[in-house]
Amino acid sequence: MQLIRASQLQFFFVAIWENSLICFSVLF
């Protein structure tokens, strides 16, 4: 269970990071 939760949390963080990079590239 902990491994699954960790992978989900990592996937969620990566998704936010990619969205942040997209927004940053659009603004600048």
N, C-alpha and C. Protein backbone atom coordinates (compact mmCIF):
# COMPACT_ATOMS: atom_id res chain seq x y z
N MET A 1 0.83 -1.21 0.00
CA MET A 1 0.00 0.00 0.00
C MET A 1 0.87 1.26 0.00
N GLN A 2 1.92 1.25 0.81
CA GLN A 2 2.77 2.45 0.88
C GLN A 2 3.46 2.71 -0.45
N LEU A 3 3.89 1.63 -1.13
CA LEU A 3 4.56 1.81 -2.42
C LEU A 3 3.58 2.40 -3.43
N ILE A 4 2.34 1.91 -3.40
CA ILE A 4 1.34 2.42 -4.34
C ILE A 4 1.06 3.89 -4.04
N ARG A 5 0.94 4.21 -2.77
CA ARG A 5 0.68 5.61 -2.40
C ARG A 5 1.85 6.49 -2.83
N ALA A 6 3.06 6.01 -2.64
CA ALA A 6 4.25 6.80 -3.01
C ALA A 6 4.27 7.04 -4.52
N SER A 7 3.93 6.02 -5.29
CA SER A 7 3.95 6.18 -6.75
C SER A 7 2.87 7.16 -7.18
N GLN A 8 1.70 7.10 -6.52
CA GLN A 8 0.63 8.03 -6.86
C GLN A 8 1.03 9.45 -6.52
N LEU A 9 1.67 9.62 -5.36
CA LEU A 9 2.11 10.95 -4.94
C LEU A 9 3.16 11.49 -5.91
N GLN A 10 4.09 10.61 -6.33
CA GLN A 10 5.13 11.04 -7.27
C GLN A 10 4.50 11.43 -8.60
N PHE A 11 3.53 10.62 -9.08
CA PHE A 11 2.85 10.92 -10.34
C PHE A 11 2.13 12.26 -10.25
N PHE A 12 1.47 12.51 -9.11
CA PHE A 12 0.76 13.76 -8.89
C PHE A 12 1.73 14.94 -8.90
N PHE A 13 2.90 14.78 -8.26
CA PHE A 13 3.90 15.85 -8.22
C PHE A 13 4.45 16.13 -9.60
N VAL A 14 4.71 15.06 -10.37
CA VAL A 14 5.24 15.22 -11.74
C VAL A 14 4.21 15.93 -12.61
N ALA A 15 2.94 15.61 -12.44
CA ALA A 15 1.89 16.26 -13.24
C ALA A 15 1.85 17.76 -12.93
N ILE A 16 1.94 18.12 -11.65
CA ILE A 16 1.94 19.54 -11.26
C ILE A 16 3.19 20.23 -11.81
N TRP A 17 4.34 19.55 -11.75
CA TRP A 17 5.60 20.13 -12.23
C TRP A 17 5.51 20.41 -13.73
N GLU A 18 4.96 19.44 -14.50
CA GLU A 18 4.85 19.62 -15.94
C GLU A 18 3.89 20.77 -16.25
N ASN A 19 2.78 20.86 -15.52
CA ASN A 19 1.84 21.96 -15.74
C ASN A 19 2.50 23.30 -15.41
N SER A 20 3.33 23.33 -14.37
CA SER A 20 4.02 24.56 -14.00
C SER A 20 5.00 24.97 -15.11
N LEU A 21 5.71 23.99 -15.69
CA LEU A 21 6.65 24.30 -16.76
C LEU A 21 5.90 24.84 -17.98
N ILE A 22 4.73 24.26 -18.27
CA ILE A 22 3.94 24.71 -19.43
C ILE A 22 3.48 26.16 -19.19
N CYS A 23 2.97 26.43 -17.99
CA CYS A 23 2.51 27.80 -17.68
C CYS A 23 3.69 28.77 -17.75
N PHE A 24 4.84 28.36 -17.24
CA PHE A 24 6.02 29.22 -17.24
C PHE A 24 6.46 29.52 -18.67
N SER A 25 6.44 28.50 -19.54
CA SER A 25 6.87 28.69 -20.93
C SER A 25 5.86 29.58 -21.66
N VAL A 26 4.59 29.50 -21.29
CA VAL A 26 3.58 30.33 -21.95
C VAL A 26 3.74 31.79 -21.51
N LEU A 27 3.98 32.01 -20.21
CA LEU A 27 4.13 33.38 -19.71
C LEU A 27 5.40 34.02 -20.26
N PHE A 28 6.47 33.24 -20.29
CA PHE A 28 7.74 33.75 -20.80
C PHE A 28 8.10 33.03 -22.08
